């Protein structure tokens, strides 16, 4: 019985981890930074990554203009990202109490170091603080400590990247702090494979108030291939300040999943995954980071798992609600 409980706990933690990572980064709208990266010597994107596709659905009303990023060189910005999440997991019809996940608060700094003649933007970033905050609810102290340790391991991670003036990623590298453990290295390696899909590029065409465009991409998250569609609307554009609304849809087809997080000998099959969300962003094109971004995402997934040497199949369903906020100054 204890072994079965440990097996179930491991699977639940793994599926909760997937739910966390699968929440769309596109909530942050035009944020050209992937908030969860690193690893020295890892270039991004991977050679087989797919460039996001941008389709203009409505150009909006006149006057129209091309939206292009033109941040000032050497200006340092500090951004605080707050993530609040609730998770419900059931295994073979037996539900566990809803987990109240502590709020995650991460702070990072960005600095534009160079602008090429063609508009390409070179920038650096560094995580300066990361911790849990607020009510920890029914989460066991050991799990709290593990979560806090994982977040704090991000402090000291640095990176240098290049994006074009529409927000498309063009290259870069990650740098891990000395003494980084395998968990951080694995996370960094995973994120380096999907950095191309985690940006939200601007349309090529001139647009005005009411314009809508769609960004389509596919990414691999911990062995799971996910399709992502984000639809943006230019709600207002005045004095260089743009307000954007975004709706998000994610979907994954049935597939087998492999991950070092799973208990040894475990086979895991995704039966369904779907996610929907909404967000809003206020940004200036002369800044690298938006002033403020908010969003909420709801996800549902169903997986089946088999333990090594057992014919019994477990069905695991996960429901996740996540709220994210970015604030920069």
C-alpha atoms as a PDB file:
ATOM      1  CA  UNK A   1       0.000   0.000   0.000  1.00  0.00           C
ATOM      2  CA  UNK A   2       2.806   2.444   0.838  1.00  0.00           C
ATOM      3  CA  UNK A   3       4.494   1.724  -2.494  1.00  0.00           C
ATOM      4  CA  UNK A   4       1.220   2.370  -4.307  1.00  0.00           C
ATOM      5  CA  UNK A   5       0.803   5.669  -2.451  1.00  0.00           C
ATOM      6  CA  UNK A   6       4.333   6.693  -3.343  1.00  0.00           C
ATOM      7  CA  UNK A   7       3.695   5.757  -6.971  1.00  0.00           C
ATOM      8  CA  UNK A   8       0.490   7.807  -7.053  1.00  0.00           C
ATOM      9  CA  UNK A   9       2.188  10.732  -5.341  1.00  0.00           C
ATOM     10  CA  UNK A  10       5.010  10.695  -7.888  1.00  0.00           C
ATOM     11  CA  UNK A  11       2.570  10.654 -10.789  1.00  0.00           C
ATOM     12  CA  UNK A  12       0.478  13.447  -9.282  1.00  0.00           C
ATOM     13  CA  UNK A  13       3.539  15.618  -8.762  1.00  0.00           C
ATOM     14  CA  UNK A  14       4.658  14.953 -12.326  1.00  0.00           C
ATOM     15  CA  UNK A  15       1.271  15.784 -13.847  1.00  0.00           C
ATOM     16  CA  UNK A  16       0.998  18.906 -11.694  1.00  0.00           C
ATOM     17  CA  UNK A  17       4.424  19.942 -12.965  1.00  0.00           C
ATOM     18  CA  UNK A  18       3.246  19.556 -16.561  1.00  0.00           C
ATOM     19  CA  UNK A  19       0.172  21.647 -15.787  1.00  0.00           C
ATOM     20  CA  UNK A  20       2.392  24.400 -14.391  1.00  0.00           C
ATOM     21  CA  UNK A  21       4.724  24.472 -17.397  1.00  0.00           C
ATOM     22  CA  UNK A  22       1.926  24.222 -19.939  1.00  0.00           C
ATOM     23  CA  UNK A  23       0.284  27.467 -18.846  1.00  0.00           C
ATOM     24  CA  UNK A  24       0.846  29.772 -21.817  1.00  0.00           C
ATOM     25  CA  UNK A  25       3.647  32.275 -21.671  1.00  0.00           C
ATOM     26  CA  UNK A  26       1.685  34.247 -24.263  1.00  0.00           C
ATOM     27  CA  UNK A  27      -0.299  35.781 -21.413  1.00  0.00           C
ATOM     28  CA  UNK A  28       2.585  38.189 -21.126  1.00  0.00           C
ATOM     29  CA  UNK A  29       1.728  39.393 -24.639  1.00  0.00           C
ATOM     30  CA  UNK A  30       4.733  41.043 -26.238  1.00  0.00           C
ATOM     31  CA  UNK A  31       7.184  40.103 -23.496  1.00  0.00           C
ATOM     32  CA  UNK A  32      10.237  38.988 -25.491  1.00  0.00           C
ATOM     33  CA  UNK A  33      11.671  37.138 -22.491  1.00  0.00           C
ATOM     34  CA  UNK A  34      11.073  33.531 -21.584  1.00  0.00           C
ATOM     35  CA  UNK A  35      10.592  33.462 -17.836  1.00  0.00           C
ATOM     36  CA  UNK A  36      12.083  30.111 -16.891  1.00  0.00           C
ATOM     37  CA  UNK A  37      15.251  29.531 -18.827  1.00  0.00           C
ATOM     38  CA  UNK A  38      19.041  28.928 -18.607  1.00  0.00           C
ATOM     39  CA  UNK A  39      22.173  26.718 -19.332  1.00  0.00           C
ATOM     40  CA  UNK A  40      25.569  27.727 -20.487  1.00  0.00           C
ATOM     41  CA  UNK A  41      26.317  26.431 -23.946  1.00  0.00           C
ATOM     42  CA  UNK A  42      22.685  25.804 -24.866  1.00  0.00           C
ATOM     43  CA  UNK A  43      21.684  27.848 -27.874  1.00  0.00           C
ATOM     44  CA  UNK A  44      18.072  28.547 -28.659  1.00  0.00           C
ATOM     45  CA  UNK A  45      15.979  27.736 -30.474  1.00  0.00           C
ATOM     46  CA  UNK A  46      16.735  24.102 -31.228  1.00  0.00           C
ATOM     47  CA  UNK A  47      17.421  23.275 -34.857  1.00  0.00           C
ATOM     48  CA  UNK A  48      14.059  21.520 -35.286  1.00  0.00           C
ATOM     49  CA  UNK A  49      11.949  24.200 -33.630  1.00  0.00           C
ATOM     50  CA  UNK A  50       9.095  25.745 -35.574  1.00  0.00           C
ATOM     51  CA  UNK A  51       8.891  29.499 -35.982  1.00  0.00           C
ATOM     52  CA  UNK A  52       5.575  30.939 -34.738  1.00  0.00           C
ATOM     53  CA  UNK A  53       3.215  31.936 -37.530  1.00  0.00           C
ATOM     54  CA  UNK A  54       1.508  35.349 -37.390  1.00  0.00           C
ATOM     55  CA  UNK A  55      -1.708  35.933 -39.337  1.00  0.00           C
ATOM     56  CA  UNK A  56      -3.423  39.320 -39.470  1.00  0.00           C
ATOM     57  CA  UNK A  57      -7.182  38.848 -39.070  1.00  0.00           C
ATOM     58  CA  UNK A  58      -8.276  42.505 -39.058  1.00  0.00           C
ATOM     59  CA  UNK A  59      -6.069  45.577 -39.663  1.00  0.00           C
ATOM     60  CA  UNK A  60      -8.214  47.813 -37.469  1.00  0.00           C
ATOM     61  CA  UNK A  61      -9.264  51.383 -38.174  1.00  0.00           C
ATOM     62  CA  UNK A  62      -7.223  54.282 -39.492  1.00  0.00           C
ATOM     63  CA  UNK A  63      -4.748  55.687 -38.635  1.00  0.00           C
ATOM     64  CA  UNK A  64      -2.576  52.579 -38.847  1.00  0.00           C
ATOM     65  CA  UNK A  65       1.127  52.006 -38.287  1.00  0.00           C
ATOM     66  CA  UNK A  66       3.575  49.140 -37.988  1.00  0.00           C
ATOM     67  CA  UNK A  67       4.184  48.035 -34.409  1.00  0.00           C
ATOM     68  CA  UNK A  68       7.935  47.676 -33.896  1.00  0.00           C
ATOM     69  CA  UNK A  69       9.986  47.358 -30.721  1.00  0.00           C
ATOM     70  CA  UNK A  70      12.467  50.222 -30.281  1.00  0.00           C
ATOM     71  CA  UNK A  71      13.769  50.040 -26.692  1.00  0.00           C
ATOM     72  CA  UNK A  72      16.434  52.411 -25.412  1.00  0.00           C
ATOM     73  CA  UNK A  73      19.976  51.093 -24.986  1.00  0.00           C
ATOM     74  CA  UNK A  74      21.367  50.634 -21.443  1.00  0.00           C
ATOM     75  CA  UNK A  75      18.011  51.171 -19.711  1.00  0.00           C
ATOM     76  CA  UNK A  76      17.588  48.553 -16.983  1.00  0.00           C
ATOM     77  CA  UNK A  77      14.094  47.287 -16.197  1.00  0.00           C
ATOM     78  CA  UNK A  78      13.009  45.269 -13.155  1.00  0.00           C
ATOM     79  CA  UNK A  79      10.064  42.927 -13.605  1.00  0.00           C
ATOM     80  CA  UNK A  80       8.143  41.015 -10.934  1.00  0.00           C
ATOM     81  CA  UNK A  81       6.212  37.940 -12.020  1.00  0.00           C
ATOM     82  CA  UNK A  82       3.560  36.554  -9.662  1.00  0.00           C
ATOM     83  CA  UNK A  83       1.918  33.169 -10.229  1.00  0.00           C
ATOM     84  CA  UNK A  84      -1.079  31.880  -8.280  1.00  0.00           C
ATOM     85  CA  UNK A  85      -2.355  28.365  -8.943  1.00  0.00           C
ATOM     86  CA  UNK A  86      -4.932  25.841  -7.729  1.00  0.00           C
ATOM     87  CA  UNK A  87      -4.743  22.163  -8.742  1.00  0.00           C
ATOM     88  CA  UNK A  88      -7.219  19.285  -8.425  1.00  0.00           C
ATOM     89  CA  UNK A  89      -5.982  15.761  -9.179  1.00  0.00           C
ATOM     90  CA  UNK A  90      -7.878  12.478  -9.168  1.00  0.00           C
ATOM     91  CA  UNK A  91      -6.490   8.987  -9.761  1.00  0.00           C
ATOM     92  CA  UNK A  92      -8.838   6.283 -11.069  1.00  0.00           C
ATOM     93  CA  UNK A  93     -11.858   8.238  -9.869  1.00  0.00           C
ATOM     94  CA  UNK A  94     -10.517   8.920  -6.368  1.00  0.00           C
ATOM     95  CA  UNK A  95     -10.095  12.644  -5.869  1.00  0.00           C
ATOM     96  CA  UNK A  96      -7.498  14.182  -3.617  1.00  0.00           C
ATOM     97  CA  UNK A  97      -8.181  17.448  -1.760  1.00  0.00           C
ATOM     98  CA  UNK A  98      -7.672  20.504  -3.938  1.00  0.00           C
ATOM     99  CA  UNK A  99      -4.073  21.651  -3.577  1.00  0.00           C
ATOM    100  CA  UNK A 100      -3.579  25.301  -2.715  1.00  0.00           C
ATOM    101  CA  UNK A 101      -0.195  26.047  -4.252  1.00  0.00           C
ATOM    102  CA  UNK A 102       1.777  28.877  -2.610  1.00  0.00           C
ATOM    103  CA  UNK A 103       2.110  32.003  -4.702  1.00  0.00           C
ATOM    104  CA  UNK A 104       5.388  32.132  -6.655  1.00  0.00           C
ATOM    105  CA  UNK A 105       7.105  35.505  -6.915  1.00  0.00           C
ATOM    106  CA  UNK A 106      10.075  35.893  -9.276  1.00  0.00           C
ATOM    107  CA  UNK A 107      12.050  39.056  -9.961  1.00  0.00           C
ATOM    108  CA  UNK A 108      14.353  39.552 -12.920  1.00  0.00           C
ATOM    109  CA  UNK A 109      16.213  42.407 -14.566  1.00  0.00           C
ATOM    110  CA  UNK A 110      16.620  43.100 -18.278  1.00  0.00           C
ATOM    111  CA  UNK A 111      18.951  45.463 -20.090  1.00  0.00           C
ATOM    112  CA  UNK A 112      19.234  46.241 -23.795  1.00  0.00           C
ATOM    113  CA  UNK A 113      22.922  46.258 -24.738  1.00  0.00           C
ATOM    114  CA  UNK A 114      22.843  46.879 -28.510  1.00  0.00           C
ATOM    115  CA  UNK A 115      20.525  47.712 -31.412  1.00  0.00           C
ATOM    116  CA  UNK A 116      21.674  46.561 -34.859  1.00  0.00           C
ATOM    117  CA  UNK A 117      21.078  48.706 -37.982  1.00  0.00           C
ATOM    118  CA  UNK A 118      18.363  46.242 -39.070  1.00  0.00           C
ATOM    119  CA  UNK A 119      16.542  46.712 -35.745  1.00  0.00           C
ATOM    120  CA  UNK A 120      17.673  43.496 -34.024  1.00  0.00           C
ATOM    121  CA  UNK A 121      17.733  43.898 -30.247  1.00  0.00           C
ATOM    122  CA  UNK A 122      20.475  42.420 -28.048  1.00  0.00           C
ATOM    123  CA  UNK A 123      19.544  42.149 -24.383  1.00  0.00           C
ATOM    124  CA  UNK A 124      20.673  40.581 -21.141  1.00  0.00           C
ATOM    125  CA  UNK A 125      18.640  39.369 -18.205  1.00  0.00           C
ATOM    126  CA  UNK A 126      19.257  37.971 -14.730  1.00  0.00           C
ATOM    127  CA  UNK A 127      17.040  36.516 -12.020  1.00  0.00           C
ATOM    128  CA  UNK A 128      17.586  38.501  -8.824  1.00  0.00           C
ATOM    129  CA  UNK A 129      14.988  37.021  -6.453  1.00  0.00           C
ATOM    130  CA  UNK A 130      12.567  34.084  -6.361  1.00  0.00           C
ATOM    131  CA  UNK A 131      10.453  32.640  -3.535  1.00  0.00           C
ATOM    132  CA  UNK A 132       6.998  31.514  -2.433  1.00  0.00           C
ATOM    133  CA  UNK A 133       4.657  33.868  -0.623  1.00  0.00           C
ATOM    134  CA  UNK A 134       1.226  34.037   0.981  1.00  0.00           C
ATOM    135  CA  UNK A 135      -0.962  31.267   2.397  1.00  0.00           C
ATOM    136  CA  UNK A 136       0.528  27.796   1.947  1.00  0.00           C
ATOM    137  CA  UNK A 137      -2.832  26.144   2.676  1.00  0.00           C
ATOM    138  CA  UNK A 138      -2.763  22.331   2.990  1.00  0.00           C
ATOM    139  CA  UNK A 139       0.605  21.853   1.338  1.00  0.00           C
ATOM    140  CA  UNK A 140       2.952  19.696   3.495  1.00  0.00           C
ATOM    141  CA  UNK A 141       6.054  21.514   4.810  1.00  0.00           C
ATOM    142  CA  UNK A 142       8.373  19.175   2.889  1.00  0.00           C
ATOM    143  CA  UNK A 143       6.648  20.057  -0.398  1.00  0.00           C
ATOM    144  CA  UNK A 144       6.797  23.756   0.472  1.00  0.00           C
ATOM    145  CA  UNK A 145      10.519  23.451   1.103  1.00  0.00           C
ATOM    146  CA  UNK A 146      11.056  21.644  -2.196  1.00  0.00           C
ATOM    147  CA  UNK A 147       9.103  24.297  -4.092  1.00  0.00           C
ATOM    148  CA  UNK A 148      10.995  27.130  -2.382  1.00  0.00           C
ATOM    149  CA  UNK A 149      14.312  25.424  -3.112  1.00  0.00           C
ATOM    150  CA  UNK A 150      13.436  25.014  -6.803  1.00  0.00           C
ATOM    151  CA  UNK A 151      12.443  28.665  -7.109  1.00  0.00           C
ATOM    152  CA  UNK A 152      15.536  29.930  -5.292  1.00  0.00           C
ATOM    153  CA  UNK A 153      17.753  27.837  -7.577  1.00  0.00           C
ATOM    154  CA  UNK A 154      16.777  30.257 -10.364  1.00  0.00           C
ATOM    155  CA  UNK A 155      18.491  33.178  -8.641  1.00  0.00           C
ATOM    156  CA  UNK A 156      21.770  33.851 -10.410  1.00  0.00           C
ATOM    157  CA  UNK A 157      20.633  32.455 -13.762  1.00  0.00           C
ATOM    158  CA  UNK A 158      21.629  34.840 -16.539  1.00  0.00           C
ATOM    159  CA  UNK A 159      21.258  35.008 -20.279  1.00  0.00           C
ATOM    160  CA  UNK A 160      21.985  37.004 -23.423  1.00  0.00           C
ATOM    161  CA  UNK A 161      19.540  36.962 -26.346  1.00  0.00           C
ATOM    162  CA  UNK A 162      18.683  38.565 -29.659  1.00  0.00           C
ATOM    163  CA  UNK A 163      15.198  39.317 -30.967  1.00  0.00           C
ATOM    164  CA  UNK A 164      14.126  41.268 -34.017  1.00  0.00           C
ATOM    165  CA  UNK A 165      11.963  44.357 -33.744  1.00  0.00           C
ATOM    166  CA  UNK A 166       8.802  42.274 -34.151  1.00  0.00           C
ATOM    167  CA  UNK A 167       9.719  40.029 -31.213  1.00  0.00           C
ATOM    168  CA  UNK A 168      10.925  36.943 -33.114  1.00  0.00           C
ATOM    169  CA  UNK A 169      13.719  35.115 -31.298  1.00  0.00           C
ATOM    170  CA  UNK A 170      16.995  34.999 -33.282  1.00  0.00           C
ATOM    171  CA  UNK A 171      19.476  33.360 -30.901  1.00  0.00           C
ATOM    172  CA  UNK A 172      21.141  33.497 -27.529  1.00  0.00           C
ATOM    173  CA  UNK A 173      22.617  31.459 -24.720  1.00  0.00           C
ATOM    174  CA  UNK A 174      21.865  30.573 -21.113  1.00  0.00           C
ATOM    175  CA  UNK A 175      24.255  30.705 -18.183  1.00  0.00           C
ATOM    176  CA  UNK A 176      23.718  28.622 -15.054  1.00  0.00           C
ATOM    177  CA  UNK A 177      25.122  29.644 -11.666  1.00  0.00           C
ATOM    178  CA  UNK A 178      27.944  27.584 -10.205  1.00  0.00           C
ATOM    179  CA  UNK A 179      26.758  24.460  -8.421  1.00  0.00           C
ATOM    180  CA  UNK A 180      23.513  24.164 -10.393  1.00  0.00           C
ATOM    181  CA  UNK A 181      21.854  20.779  -9.742  1.00  0.00           C
ATOM    182  CA  UNK A 182      20.481  18.337 -12.303  1.00  0.00           C
ATOM    183  CA  UNK A 183      16.883  19.494 -11.838  1.00  0.00           C
ATOM    184  CA  UNK A 184      17.770  23.018 -12.906  1.00  0.00           C
ATOM    185  CA  UNK A 185      19.854  21.724 -15.804  1.00  0.00           C
ATOM    186  CA  UNK A 186      16.945  19.576 -17.009  1.00  0.00           C
ATOM    187  CA  UNK A 187      14.517  22.463 -16.792  1.00  0.00           C
ATOM    188  CA  UNK A 188      16.921  24.684 -18.682  1.00  0.00           C
ATOM    189  CA  UNK A 189      17.448  22.093 -21.375  1.00  0.00           C
ATOM    190  CA  UNK A 190      13.698  21.714 -21.801  1.00  0.00           C
ATOM    191  CA  UNK A 191      13.041  25.434 -21.979  1.00  0.00           C
ATOM    192  CA  UNK A 192      15.854  25.935 -24.472  1.00  0.00           C
ATOM    193  CA  UNK A 193      14.000  23.624 -26.882  1.00  0.00           C
ATOM    194  CA  UNK A 194      10.866  25.738 -26.869  1.00  0.00           C
ATOM    195  CA  UNK A 195      12.042  29.335 -26.504  1.00  0.00           C
ATOM    196  CA  UNK A 196      11.100  30.044 -30.125  1.00  0.00           C
ATOM    197  CA  UNK A 197       7.455  29.244 -29.399  1.00  0.00           C
ATOM    198  CA  UNK A 198       7.269  31.206 -26.150  1.00  0.00           C
ATOM    199  CA  UNK A 199       7.583  34.654 -27.669  1.00  0.00           C
ATOM    200  CA  UNK A 200       4.603  36.587 -29.035  1.00  0.00           C
ATOM    201  CA  UNK A 201       5.660  38.354 -32.232  1.00  0.00           C
ATOM    202  CA  UNK A 202       3.953  41.426 -33.665  1.00  0.00           C
ATOM    203  CA  UNK A 203       2.270  41.459 -37.113  1.00  0.00           C
ATOM    204  CA  UNK A 204       4.227  42.616 -40.146  1.00  0.00           C
ATOM    205  CA  UNK A 205       1.413  44.830 -41.429  1.00  0.00           C
ATOM    206  CA  UNK A 206       0.402  48.304 -40.266  1.00  0.00           C
ATOM    207  CA  UNK A 207      -2.455  48.123 -37.751  1.00  0.00           C
ATOM    208  CA  UNK A 208      -4.816  50.445 -35.933  1.00  0.00           C
ATOM    209  CA  UNK A 209      -7.242  50.323 -33.017  1.00  0.00           C
ATOM    210  CA  UNK A 210      -9.342  47.155 -33.137  1.00  0.00           C
ATOM    211  CA  UNK A 211      -6.746  45.176 -35.095  1.00  0.00           C
ATOM    212  CA  UNK A 212      -6.649  41.437 -34.486  1.00  0.00           C
ATOM    213  CA  UNK A 213      -3.934  38.891 -35.262  1.00  0.00           C
ATOM    214  CA  UNK A 214      -3.337  35.250 -34.484  1.00  0.00           C
ATOM    215  CA  UNK A 215      -0.059  33.617 -33.417  1.00  0.00           C
ATOM    216  CA  UNK A 216       0.144  29.840 -33.960  1.00  0.00           C
ATOM    217  CA  UNK A 217       2.951  27.617 -32.709  1.00  0.00           C
ATOM    218  CA  UNK A 218       3.745  24.133 -31.439  1.00  0.00           C
ATOM    219  CA  UNK A 219       6.103  23.224 -28.629  1.00  0.00           C
ATOM    220  CA  UNK A 220       7.487  20.219 -26.813  1.00  0.00           C
ATOM    221  CA  UNK A 221       6.974  20.377 -23.037  1.00  0.00           C
ATOM    222  CA  UNK A 222       8.610  17.548 -21.095  1.00  0.00           C
ATOM    223  CA  UNK A 223       7.938  15.049 -23.843  1.00  0.00           C
ATOM    224  CA  UNK A 224       4.464  16.366 -24.701  1.00  0.00           C
ATOM    225  CA  UNK A 225       3.779  18.088 -28.028  1.00  0.00           C
ATOM    226  CA  UNK A 226       1.339  20.988 -27.596  1.00  0.00           C
ATOM    227  CA  UNK A 227      -0.341  23.242 -30.163  1.00  0.00           C
ATOM    228  CA  UNK A 228      -0.873  26.853 -29.120  1.00  0.00           C
ATOM    229  CA  UNK A 229      -3.084  29.557 -30.667  1.00  0.00           C
ATOM    230  CA  UNK A 230      -3.110  33.069 -29.221  1.00  0.00           C
ATOM    231  CA  UNK A 231      -5.373  35.788 -30.631  1.00  0.00           C
ATOM    232  CA  UNK A 232      -4.497  39.428 -29.932  1.00  0.00           C
ATOM    233  CA  UNK A 233      -6.613  42.562 -30.179  1.00  0.00           C
ATOM    234  CA  UNK A 234      -5.208  46.092 -30.149  1.00  0.00           C
ATOM    235  CA  UNK A 235      -7.695  47.639 -27.736  1.00  0.00           C
ATOM    236  CA  UNK A 236      -6.094  51.106 -27.741  1.00  0.00           C
ATOM    237  CA  UNK A 237      -3.050  52.892 -29.160  1.00  0.00           C
ATOM    238  CA  UNK A 238      -2.223  56.398 -27.959  1.00  0.00           C
ATOM    239  CA  UNK A 239       0.950  58.396 -27.282  1.00  0.00           C
ATOM    240  CA  UNK A 240       3.148  55.342 -27.858  1.00  0.00           C
ATOM    241  CA  UNK A 241       1.234  53.194 -25.341  1.00  0.00           C
ATOM    242  CA  UNK A 242      -0.556  50.079 -26.594  1.00  0.00           C
ATOM    243  CA  UNK A 243      -3.177  48.068 -24.722  1.00  0.00           C
ATOM    244  CA  UNK A 244      -3.645  44.493 -25.929  1.00  0.00           C
ATOM    245  CA  UNK A 245      -6.210  41.824 -25.091  1.00  0.00           C
ATOM    246  CA  UNK A 246      -5.324  38.179 -25.701  1.00  0.00           C
ATOM    247  CA  UNK A 247      -7.267  34.916 -25.771  1.00  0.00           C
ATOM    248  CA  UNK A 248      -5.390  31.635 -25.559  1.00  0.00           C
ATOM    249  CA  UNK A 249      -6.130  28.070 -26.621  1.00  0.00           C
ATOM    250  CA  UNK A 250      -3.861  25.057 -26.196  1.00  0.00           C
ATOM    251  CA  UNK A 251      -4.458  21.475 -27.249  1.00  0.00           C
ATOM    252  CA  UNK A 252      -2.473  18.249 -27.337  1.00  0.00           C
ATOM    253  CA  UNK A 253      -3.368  15.074 -29.238  1.00  0.00           C
ATOM    254  CA  UNK A 254      -3.187  11.640 -27.560  1.00  0.00           C
ATOM    255  CA  UNK A 255       0.460  10.606 -27.275  1.00  0.00           C
ATOM    256  CA  UNK A 256       2.985   8.713 -25.173  1.00  0.00           C
ATOM    257  CA  UNK A 257       5.046  10.764 -22.734  1.00  0.00           C
ATOM    258  CA  UNK A 258       8.592  10.204 -21.544  1.00  0.00           C
ATOM    259  CA  UNK A 259      10.128  12.135 -18.662  1.00  0.00           C
ATOM    260  CA  UNK A 260      12.875  11.657 -16.048  1.00  0.00           C
ATOM    261  CA  UNK A 261      10.333  12.881 -13.471  1.00  0.00           C
ATOM    262  CA  UNK A 262       8.350   9.643 -13.737  1.00  0.00           C
ATOM    263  CA  UNK A 263       8.985   6.713 -11.394  1.00  0.00           C
ATOM    264  CA  UNK A 264      11.328   4.115 -12.989  1.00  0.00           C
ATOM    265  CA  UNK A 265       9.520   1.718 -15.316  1.00  0.00           C
ATOM    266  CA  UNK A 266       6.388   3.824 -15.545  1.00  0.00           C
ATOM    267  CA  UNK A 267       4.648   4.318 -18.883  1.00  0.00           C
ATOM    268  CA  UNK A 268       2.461   7.403 -19.240  1.00  0.00           C
ATOM    269  CA  UNK A 269      -0.005   8.119 -22.051  1.00  0.00           C
ATOM    270  CA  UNK A 270      -1.777  11.411 -22.616  1.00  0.00           C
ATOM    271  CA  UNK A 271      -5.434  10.929 -23.484  1.00  0.00           C
ATOM    272  CA  UNK A 272      -6.430  14.587 -23.693  1.00  0.00           C
ATOM    273  CA  UNK A 273      -5.199  18.076 -22.864  1.00  0.00           C
ATOM    274  CA  UNK A 274      -6.986  21.393 -23.396  1.00  0.00           C
ATOM    275  CA  UNK A 275      -6.357  24.858 -22.003  1.00  0.00           C
ATOM    276  CA  UNK A 276      -8.118  28.200 -22.371  1.00  0.00           C
ATOM    277  CA  UNK A 277      -7.316  31.619 -20.999  1.00  0.00           C
ATOM    278  CA  UNK A 278      -7.498  35.373 -21.318  1.00  0.00           C
ATOM    279  CA  UNK A 279      -5.070  38.168 -20.600  1.00  0.00           C
ATOM    280  CA  UNK A 280      -4.332  41.860 -21.063  1.00  0.00           C
ATOM    281  CA  UNK A 281      -1.132  43.844 -21.493  1.00  0.00           C
ATOM    282  CA  UNK A 282      -0.140  47.494 -21.423  1.00  0.00           C
ATOM    283  CA  UNK A 283       3.160  48.218 -23.166  1.00  0.00           C
ATOM    284  CA  UNK A 284       5.329  50.894 -24.729  1.00  0.00           C
ATOM    285  CA  UNK A 285       7.316  50.084 -27.831  1.00  0.00           C
ATOM    286  CA  UNK A 286      10.338  51.971 -26.468  1.00  0.00           C
ATOM    287  CA  UNK A 287      10.588  49.503 -23.560  1.00  0.00           C
ATOM    288  CA  UNK A 288      11.636  45.878 -23.651  1.00  0.00           C
ATOM    289  CA  UNK A 289       9.113  44.744 -21.040  1.00  0.00           C
ATOM    290  CA  UNK A 290       5.398  45.614 -20.744  1.00  0.00           C
ATOM    291  CA  UNK A 291       4.302  47.868 -17.880  1.00  0.00           C
ATOM    292  CA  UNK A 292       1.762  45.322 -16.727  1.00  0.00           C
ATOM    293  CA  UNK A 293       0.357  42.002 -17.935  1.00  0.00           C
ATOM    294  CA  UNK A 294      -2.363  39.938 -16.314  1.00  0.00           C
ATOM    295  CA  UNK A 295      -3.984  36.678 -17.287  1.00  0.00           C
ATOM    296  CA  UNK A 296      -5.888  33.610 -16.164  1.00  0.00           C
ATOM    297  CA  UNK A 297      -5.725  30.105 -17.655  1.00  0.00           C
ATOM    298  CA  UNK A 298      -7.794  26.971 -16.983  1.00  0.00           C
ATOM    299  CA  UNK A 299      -6.444  23.566 -18.055  1.00  0.00           C
ATOM    300  CA  UNK A 300      -7.813  20.031 -18.064  1.00  0.00           C
ATOM    301  CA  UNK A 301      -5.845  16.889 -18.804  1.00  0.00           C
ATOM    302  CA  UNK A 302      -6.342  13.133 -18.633  1.00  0.00           C
ATOM    303  CA  UNK A 303      -3.521  10.600 -18.598  1.00  0.00           C
ATOM    304  CA  UNK A 304      -3.198   6.850 -18.107  1.00  0.00           C
ATOM    305  CA  UNK A 305      -0.263   5.270 -16.309  1.00  0.00           C
ATOM    306  CA  UNK A 306       1.094   1.780 -15.764  1.00  0.00           C
ATOM    307  CA  UNK A 307       3.681   0.795 -13.208  1.00  0.00           C
ATOM    308  CA  UNK A 308       6.499  -1.563 -14.135  1.00  0.00           C
ATOM    309  CA  UNK A 309       5.445  -5.198 -13.749  1.00  0.00           C
ATOM    310  CA  UNK A 310       1.758  -4.387 -13.302  1.00  0.00           C
ATOM    311  CA  UNK A 311      -1.176  -4.780 -15.705  1.00  0.00           C
ATOM    312  CA  UNK A 312      -3.291  -2.305 -13.763  1.00  0.00           C
ATOM    313  CA  UNK A 313      -3.827   1.017 -15.487  1.00  0.00           C
ATOM    314  CA  UNK A 314      -4.396   4.218 -13.551  1.00  0.00           C
ATOM    315  CA  UNK A 315      -6.305   7.132 -15.028  1.00  0.00           C
ATOM    316  CA  UNK A 316      -5.185  10.528 -13.766  1.00  0.00           C
ATOM    317  CA  UNK A 317      -7.178  13.702 -14.375  1.00  0.00           C
ATOM    318  CA  UNK A 318      -5.851  17.146 -13.542  1.00  0.00           C
ATOM    319  CA  UNK A 319      -7.680  20.466 -13.378  1.00  0.00           C
ATOM    320  CA  UNK A 320      -5.582  23.595 -13.036  1.00  0.00           C
ATOM    321  CA  UNK A 321      -6.450  27.258 -12.669  1.00  0.00           C
ATOM    322  CA  UNK A 322      -3.537  29.698 -12.907  1.00  0.00           C
ATOM    323  CA  UNK A 323      -3.372  33.475 -12.574  1.00  0.00           C
ATOM    324  CA  UNK A 324      -0.258  35.387 -13.665  1.00  0.00           C
ATOM    325  CA  UNK A 325       0.800  39.007 -13.286  1.00  0.00           C
ATOM    326  CA  UNK A 326       3.845  40.856 -14.703  1.00  0.00           C
ATOM    327  CA  UNK A 327       4.748  44.329 -13.462  1.00  0.00           C
ATOM    328  CA  UNK A 328       7.793  46.253 -14.683  1.00  0.00           C
ATOM    329  CA  UNK A 329       9.466  49.494 -13.731  1.00  0.00           C
END
